[in-house]
Amino acid sequence: MTRRVLWLGILAMAAGIPAFAADPGGKWTATFDTPMGEQHYTYDFKVDGDKLTGTAKSDMGESAIQEGKFSGDTVSFVEILKFDDNEIRIQYTGKIAGDEIKFTRQVGDFGSENLVAKRAK
């Protein structure tokens, strides 16, 4: 009888784990230094299953999020930034922990940057 109760408890806890999974949906803000100076971003994420969509808005403009994916606590997407009549592909990969996402972003062939986005209140 004790084993049965223990197993039922374990199963109940395991069933509740997905309820606590990270959720990147909503608005996030970030301020970080780059070779071009301090940047201010607002990300507006929408999640549909494992697909991530939305927008990335910065001091340099706004672009639609492309190739967005979400799995567990990992987020990845691409931002196409228009700068001086050129398009720069920025690849983001991040991990969600509570109300923060720690991102690494690869900015074209120029290099990578680390930043932390915080959930907007």
C-alpha atoms as a PDB file:
ATOM      1  CA  MET A   1       0.000   0.000   0.000  1.00  0.00           C
ATOM      2  CA  THR A   2       2.833   2.441   0.869  1.00  0.00           C
ATOM      3  CA  ARG A   3       4.563   1.855  -2.485  1.00  0.00           C
ATOM      4  CA  ARG A   4       1.328   2.465  -4.308  1.00  0.00           C
ATOM      5  CA  VAL A   5       0.809   5.802  -2.550  1.00  0.00           C
ATOM      6  CA  LEU A   6       4.438   6.754  -3.228  1.00  0.00           C
ATOM      7  CA  TRP A   7       4.083   5.981  -6.957  1.00  0.00           C
ATOM      8  CA  LEU A   8       0.829   7.906  -7.179  1.00  0.00           C
ATOM      9  CA  GLY A   9       2.559  10.887  -5.554  1.00  0.00           C
ATOM     10  CA  ILE A  10       5.474  10.702  -7.982  1.00  0.00           C
ATOM     11  CA  LEU A  11       3.109  10.482 -10.968  1.00  0.00           C
ATOM     12  CA  ALA A  12       1.087  13.449  -9.702  1.00  0.00           C
ATOM     13  CA  MET A  13       4.246  15.557  -9.340  1.00  0.00           C
ATOM     14  CA  ALA A  14       5.498  14.536 -12.789  1.00  0.00           C
ATOM     15  CA  ALA A  15       2.160  15.499 -14.347  1.00  0.00           C
ATOM     16  CA  GLY A  16       2.444  18.959 -12.797  1.00  0.00           C
ATOM     17  CA  ILE A  17       5.944  19.688 -14.140  1.00  0.00           C
ATOM     18  CA  PRO A  18       4.796  20.987 -17.564  1.00  0.00           C
ATOM     19  CA  ALA A  19       2.689  23.612 -15.778  1.00  0.00           C
ATOM     20  CA  PHE A  20       5.933  25.190 -14.556  1.00  0.00           C
ATOM     21  CA  ALA A  21       7.697  25.157 -17.937  1.00  0.00           C
ATOM     22  CA  ALA A  22       9.252  28.394 -19.104  1.00  0.00           C
ATOM     23  CA  ASP A  23       7.029  30.633 -21.214  1.00  0.00           C
ATOM     24  CA  PRO A  24       8.634  33.298 -23.405  1.00  0.00           C
ATOM     25  CA  GLY A  25       5.285  34.743 -24.522  1.00  0.00           C
ATOM     26  CA  GLY A  26       4.853  38.492 -23.963  1.00  0.00           C
ATOM     27  CA  LYS A  27       7.061  41.578 -23.880  1.00  0.00           C
ATOM     28  CA  TRP A  28      10.719  41.569 -22.866  1.00  0.00           C
ATOM     29  CA  THR A  29      13.156  44.474 -22.686  1.00  0.00           C
ATOM     30  CA  ALA A  30      16.941  44.650 -22.882  1.00  0.00           C
ATOM     31  CA  THR A  31      19.598  47.348 -22.747  1.00  0.00           C
ATOM     32  CA  PHE A  32      23.141  46.345 -23.654  1.00  0.00           C
ATOM     33  CA  ASP A  33      26.409  47.692 -25.020  1.00  0.00           C
ATOM     34  CA  THR A  34      27.511  46.956 -28.566  1.00  0.00           C
ATOM     35  CA  PRO A  35      30.371  48.230 -30.741  1.00  0.00           C
ATOM     36  CA  MET A  36      27.798  50.711 -32.120  1.00  0.00           C
ATOM     37  CA  GLY A  37      26.913  51.975 -28.625  1.00  0.00           C
ATOM     38  CA  GLU A  38      24.162  51.195 -26.137  1.00  0.00           C
ATOM     39  CA  GLN A  39      21.123  49.469 -27.675  1.00  0.00           C
ATOM     40  CA  HIS A  40      17.576  49.381 -26.296  1.00  0.00           C
ATOM     41  CA  TYR A  41      15.346  46.514 -27.402  1.00  0.00           C
ATOM     42  CA  THR A  42      11.764  45.438 -26.851  1.00  0.00           C
ATOM     43  CA  TYR A  43      10.918  41.897 -27.915  1.00  0.00           C
ATOM     44  CA  ASP A  44       7.260  40.907 -28.241  1.00  0.00           C
ATOM     45  CA  PHE A  45       7.064  37.112 -28.408  1.00  0.00           C
ATOM     46  CA  LYS A  46       4.120  34.925 -29.323  1.00  0.00           C
ATOM     47  CA  VAL A  47       4.278  31.168 -28.826  1.00  0.00           C
ATOM     48  CA  ASP A  48       2.299  28.522 -30.694  1.00  0.00           C
ATOM     49  CA  GLY A  49       3.522  25.082 -29.653  1.00  0.00           C
ATOM     50  CA  ASP A  50       7.239  25.082 -30.430  1.00  0.00           C
ATOM     51  CA  LYS A  51       6.990  28.027 -32.861  1.00  0.00           C
ATOM     52  CA  LEU A  52       8.064  31.506 -31.761  1.00  0.00           C
ATOM     53  CA  THR A  53       6.908  34.617 -33.655  1.00  0.00           C
ATOM     54  CA  GLY A  54       6.654  38.318 -32.883  1.00  0.00           C
ATOM     55  CA  THR A  55       8.780  41.433 -33.276  1.00  0.00           C
ATOM     56  CA  ALA A  56      12.142  42.828 -32.235  1.00  0.00           C
ATOM     57  CA  LYS A  57      12.121  46.626 -31.877  1.00  0.00           C
ATOM     58  CA  SER A  58      15.338  48.573 -31.309  1.00  0.00           C
ATOM     59  CA  ASP A  59      16.707  52.092 -31.619  1.00  0.00           C
ATOM     60  CA  MET A  60      17.448  51.177 -35.240  1.00  0.00           C
ATOM     61  CA  GLY A  61      13.962  49.982 -36.211  1.00  0.00           C
ATOM     62  CA  GLU A  62      11.564  47.071 -35.951  1.00  0.00           C
ATOM     63  CA  SER A  63      11.639  43.678 -37.621  1.00  0.00           C
ATOM     64  CA  ALA A  64       9.580  40.512 -37.591  1.00  0.00           C
ATOM     65  CA  ILE A  65      11.065  37.540 -35.786  1.00  0.00           C
ATOM     66  CA  GLN A  66      11.985  34.785 -38.225  1.00  0.00           C
ATOM     67  CA  GLU A  67      12.855  31.097 -37.796  1.00  0.00           C
ATOM     68  CA  GLY A  68      11.665  31.254 -34.184  1.00  0.00           C
ATOM     69  CA  LYS A  69      11.726  28.098 -32.058  1.00  0.00           C
ATOM     70  CA  PHE A  70      10.925  27.345 -28.429  1.00  0.00           C
ATOM     71  CA  SER A  71      11.632  24.124 -26.557  1.00  0.00           C
ATOM     72  CA  GLY A  72      11.795  23.648 -22.781  1.00  0.00           C
ATOM     73  CA  ASP A  73      13.780  26.664 -21.615  1.00  0.00           C
ATOM     74  CA  THR A  74      15.541  27.357 -24.932  1.00  0.00           C
ATOM     75  CA  VAL A  75      14.555  30.128 -27.340  1.00  0.00           C
ATOM     76  CA  SER A  76      16.076  30.825 -30.755  1.00  0.00           C
ATOM     77  CA  PHE A  77      15.185  33.179 -33.573  1.00  0.00           C
ATOM     78  CA  VAL A  78      16.559  35.431 -36.302  1.00  0.00           C
ATOM     79  CA  GLU A  79      16.251  39.194 -36.609  1.00  0.00           C
ATOM     80  CA  ILE A  80      17.005  40.841 -39.959  1.00  0.00           C
ATOM     81  CA  LEU A  81      18.295  44.330 -39.117  1.00  0.00           C
ATOM     82  CA  LYS A  82      18.345  46.964 -41.854  1.00  0.00           C
ATOM     83  CA  PHE A  83      21.364  49.266 -41.554  1.00  0.00           C
ATOM     84  CA  ASP A  84      22.562  51.730 -44.208  1.00  0.00           C
ATOM     85  CA  ASP A  85      20.624  49.967 -46.984  1.00  0.00           C
ATOM     86  CA  ASN A  86      22.112  46.614 -45.916  1.00  0.00           C
ATOM     87  CA  GLU A  87      20.478  43.686 -44.180  1.00  0.00           C
ATOM     88  CA  ILE A  88      22.303  42.110 -41.256  1.00  0.00           C
ATOM     89  CA  ARG A  89      21.233  38.675 -40.030  1.00  0.00           C
ATOM     90  CA  ILE A  90      21.258  38.417 -36.236  1.00  0.00           C
ATOM     91  CA  GLN A  91      20.880  34.887 -34.816  1.00  0.00           C
ATOM     92  CA  TYR A  92      19.695  34.678 -31.185  1.00  0.00           C
ATOM     93  CA  THR A  93      19.921  31.702 -28.829  1.00  0.00           C
ATOM     94  CA  GLY A  94      18.797  32.025 -25.238  1.00  0.00           C
ATOM     95  CA  LYS A  95      17.827  30.270 -22.017  1.00  0.00           C
ATOM     96  CA  ILE A  96      14.844  31.345 -19.919  1.00  0.00           C
ATOM     97  CA  ALA A  97      15.208  31.442 -16.137  1.00  0.00           C
ATOM     98  CA  GLY A  98      12.196  32.981 -14.417  1.00  0.00           C
ATOM     99  CA  ASP A  99      11.706  36.503 -15.755  1.00  0.00           C
ATOM    100  CA  GLU A 100      15.042  36.642 -17.600  1.00  0.00           C
ATOM    101  CA  ILE A 101      16.349  35.299 -20.886  1.00  0.00           C
ATOM    102  CA  LYS A 102      20.123  35.139 -21.248  1.00  0.00           C
ATOM    103  CA  PHE A 103      20.821  35.538 -24.941  1.00  0.00           C
ATOM    104  CA  THR A 104      23.867  35.166 -27.113  1.00  0.00           C
ATOM    105  CA  ARG A 105      23.422  36.796 -30.498  1.00  0.00           C
ATOM    106  CA  GLN A 106      25.585  36.382 -33.559  1.00  0.00           C
ATOM    107  CA  VAL A 107      25.561  39.627 -35.537  1.00  0.00           C
ATOM    108  CA  GLY A 108      26.293  38.669 -39.139  1.00  0.00           C
ATOM    109  CA  ASP A 109      30.017  38.095 -39.579  1.00  0.00           C
ATOM    110  CA  PHE A 110      30.851  40.867 -37.119  1.00  0.00           C
ATOM    111  CA  GLY A 111      30.907  38.871 -33.876  1.00  0.00           C
ATOM    112  CA  SER A 112      28.723  37.816 -30.988  1.00  0.00           C
ATOM    113  CA  GLU A 113      27.219  39.640 -28.023  1.00  0.00           C
ATOM    114  CA  ASN A 114      25.647  38.548 -24.757  1.00  0.00           C
ATOM    115  CA  LEU A 115      22.582  40.251 -23.315  1.00  0.00           C
ATOM    116  CA  VAL A 116      19.866  39.687 -20.755  1.00  0.00           C
ATOM    117  CA  ALA A 117      16.222  40.424 -21.604  1.00  0.00           C
ATOM    118  CA  LYS A 118      13.805  40.937 -18.725  1.00  0.00           C
ATOM    119  CA  ARG A 119      10.069  40.343 -18.788  1.00  0.00           C
ATOM    120  CA  ALA A 120       8.240  43.683 -18.974  1.00  0.00           C
ATOM    121  CA  LYS A 121       5.960  44.265 -16.008  1.00  0.00           C
END
